[in-house]
Protein backbone atom coordinates (compact mmCIF):
# COMPACT_ATOMS: atom_id res chain seq x y z
CA MET A 1 -50.30 -102.42 -13.72
CA CYS A 2 -52.82 -99.65 -14.15
CA ARG A 3 -52.43 -96.42 -12.21
CA GLN A 4 -55.35 -94.59 -10.67
CA ILE A 5 -55.93 -91.32 -8.88
CA ALA A 6 -58.95 -89.93 -7.06
CA TYR A 7 -59.54 -86.33 -6.03
CA LEU A 8 -62.20 -84.94 -3.71
CA GLY A 9 -61.92 -81.29 -2.70
CA PRO A 10 -62.54 -77.74 -3.86
CA PRO A 11 -63.34 -77.47 -7.59
CA VAL A 12 -60.21 -77.38 -9.76
CA ALA A 13 -59.42 -77.86 -13.44
CA LEU A 14 -58.85 -81.57 -14.14
CA GLY A 15 -55.37 -80.70 -15.36
CA GLU A 16 -54.38 -79.36 -11.93
CA VAL A 17 -54.69 -82.92 -10.62
CA LEU A 18 -53.70 -84.94 -13.68
CA VAL A 19 -51.11 -82.91 -15.63
CA THR A 20 -49.64 -80.08 -13.55
CA PRO A 21 -48.01 -82.07 -10.70
CA ALA A 22 -44.38 -82.99 -11.47
CA HIS A 23 -45.25 -86.68 -11.27
CA GLY A 24 -48.97 -86.52 -12.04
CA LEU A 25 -50.87 -89.33 -13.71
CA TYR A 26 -50.16 -87.89 -17.17
CA ARG A 27 -46.38 -88.11 -16.65
CA GLN A 28 -46.59 -91.44 -14.83
CA SER A 29 -48.16 -92.96 -17.93
CA TRP A 30 -44.89 -92.67 -19.87
CA ALA A 31 -42.26 -92.12 -17.14
CA PRO A 32 -43.19 -94.28 -14.14
CA ARG A 33 -40.84 -94.25 -11.17
CA HIS A 34 -41.92 -97.56 -9.66
CA GLN A 35 -43.45 -100.21 -11.87
CA ARG A 36 -42.82 -103.93 -11.40
CA TYR A 37 -44.09 -105.10 -14.78
CA GLY A 38 -44.31 -103.30 -18.09
CA THR A 39 -42.69 -100.01 -18.91
CA VAL A 40 -45.50 -97.60 -19.76
CA ASN A 41 -49.27 -97.29 -19.38
CA ALA A 42 -50.15 -97.18 -23.07
CA ASP A 43 -53.29 -99.35 -23.28
CA GLY A 44 -55.82 -96.58 -22.77
CA PHE A 45 -56.97 -94.12 -20.15
CA GLY A 46 -60.06 -92.61 -18.65
CA VAL A 47 -61.22 -89.68 -16.58
CA GLY A 48 -64.52 -89.43 -14.75
CA TRP A 49 -65.89 -86.42 -12.90
CA TYR A 50 -69.03 -84.93 -11.43
CA ALA A 51 -70.28 -81.63 -12.82
CA GLU A 52 -71.77 -79.23 -10.31
CA GLY A 53 -75.40 -80.12 -9.61
CA ASP A 54 -75.38 -83.32 -11.69
CA PRO A 55 -75.47 -86.61 -9.73
CA VAL A 56 -74.49 -88.68 -12.78
CA PRO A 57 -70.75 -88.66 -13.59
CA ALA A 58 -69.30 -87.67 -16.96
CA ARG A 59 -66.53 -89.79 -18.45
CA TYR A 60 -63.89 -89.38 -21.13
CA ARG A 61 -62.19 -92.68 -22.04
CA ARG A 62 -59.94 -93.69 -24.90
CA ALA A 63 -58.17 -96.88 -26.02
CA LEU A 64 -54.98 -94.98 -26.89
CA PRO A 65 -52.24 -93.67 -24.60
CA ILE A 66 -53.13 -90.52 -22.69
CA TRP A 67 -50.19 -88.65 -24.26
CA ALA A 68 -51.43 -89.51 -27.79
CA ASP A 69 -54.87 -87.92 -27.36
CA LEU A 70 -54.54 -84.49 -28.96
CA GLY A 71 -57.66 -83.13 -27.27
CA PHE A 72 -56.84 -84.28 -23.74
CA THR A 73 -54.83 -81.25 -22.61
CA ASP A 74 -57.54 -78.86 -23.86
CA LEU A 75 -60.25 -80.84 -22.06
CA VAL A 76 -58.45 -80.96 -18.72
CA ARG A 77 -57.58 -77.28 -18.93
CA VAL A 78 -61.23 -76.15 -19.02
CA VAL A 79 -63.29 -78.83 -17.21
CA ARG A 80 -63.56 -78.19 -13.46
CA THR A 81 -64.75 -80.47 -10.70
CA GLY A 82 -64.50 -81.19 -7.01
CA ALA A 83 -64.61 -84.97 -7.52
CA LEU A 84 -62.71 -87.01 -10.10
CA LEU A 85 -61.37 -90.49 -10.72
CA ALA A 86 -58.82 -91.21 -13.46
CA ALA A 87 -56.72 -94.13 -14.64
CA VAL A 88 -54.06 -95.05 -17.19
CA ARG A 89 -53.88 -98.68 -18.36
CA ASP A 90 -51.20 -101.31 -18.73
CA ALA A 91 -53.47 -104.17 -19.81
CA THR A 92 -53.34 -107.29 -17.64
CA VAL A 93 -54.82 -109.55 -20.28
CA PRO A 94 -53.66 -109.21 -23.90
CA GLY A 95 -56.56 -108.31 -26.14
CA ALA A 96 -58.60 -106.71 -23.36
CA ASP A 97 -58.22 -103.38 -25.09
CA GLY A 98 -60.70 -100.74 -25.97
CA GLU A 99 -62.59 -97.98 -24.28
CA ALA A 100 -64.90 -100.48 -22.58
CA ALA A 101 -61.91 -101.79 -20.60
CA ALA A 102 -60.68 -98.34 -19.56
CA ALA A 103 -61.53 -97.16 -16.05
CA PRO A 104 -63.29 -95.39 -14.59
CA PHE A 105 -66.52 -97.30 -14.90
CA ALA A 106 -69.96 -95.92 -14.07
CA ASP A 107 -73.32 -97.26 -12.99
CA GLY A 108 -75.98 -94.64 -12.35
CA PRO A 109 -74.53 -92.16 -9.85
CA TRP A 110 -71.51 -94.37 -9.08
CA LEU A 111 -68.04 -93.89 -10.52
CA PHE A 112 -65.55 -96.66 -9.76
CA GLY A 113 -62.37 -98.42 -10.85
CA HIS A 114 -60.43 -101.59 -10.17
CA ASN A 115 -56.95 -102.88 -10.87
CA GLY A 116 -56.45 -106.26 -12.51
CA SER A 117 -58.71 -108.47 -14.58
CA VAL A 118 -62.17 -109.94 -14.17
CA ASP A 119 -62.45 -113.54 -15.39
CA GLY A 120 -64.78 -113.86 -18.37
CA TRP A 121 -64.88 -110.12 -19.09
CA PRO A 122 -65.16 -108.79 -21.61
CA GLY A 123 -67.03 -111.87 -22.75
């Protein structure tokens, strides 16, 4: 099962939401407390946020585990936002890997995610 987190509040560094908490999304990806299936979220990750004054969200997504991305901790230390959506993946369907399958997704000004699979996608 994928894990997701959303934050809406005063601007903070992404890491204050994703890495700093004792059981933040970063740690949950490799040390989950409650997970029915699978053991880790190693099939990719993504972070989406809104920069001040820009209605179109920025995204950073990778097909590798969040802990294996050497630039991730630098990125989340310096990027600040008041609105973010992030996810770590445990792929539902084998072979549905890649950045295209990593939430969050975007369409114009919308940033969104879902948990599970969509029949026929990617197709």
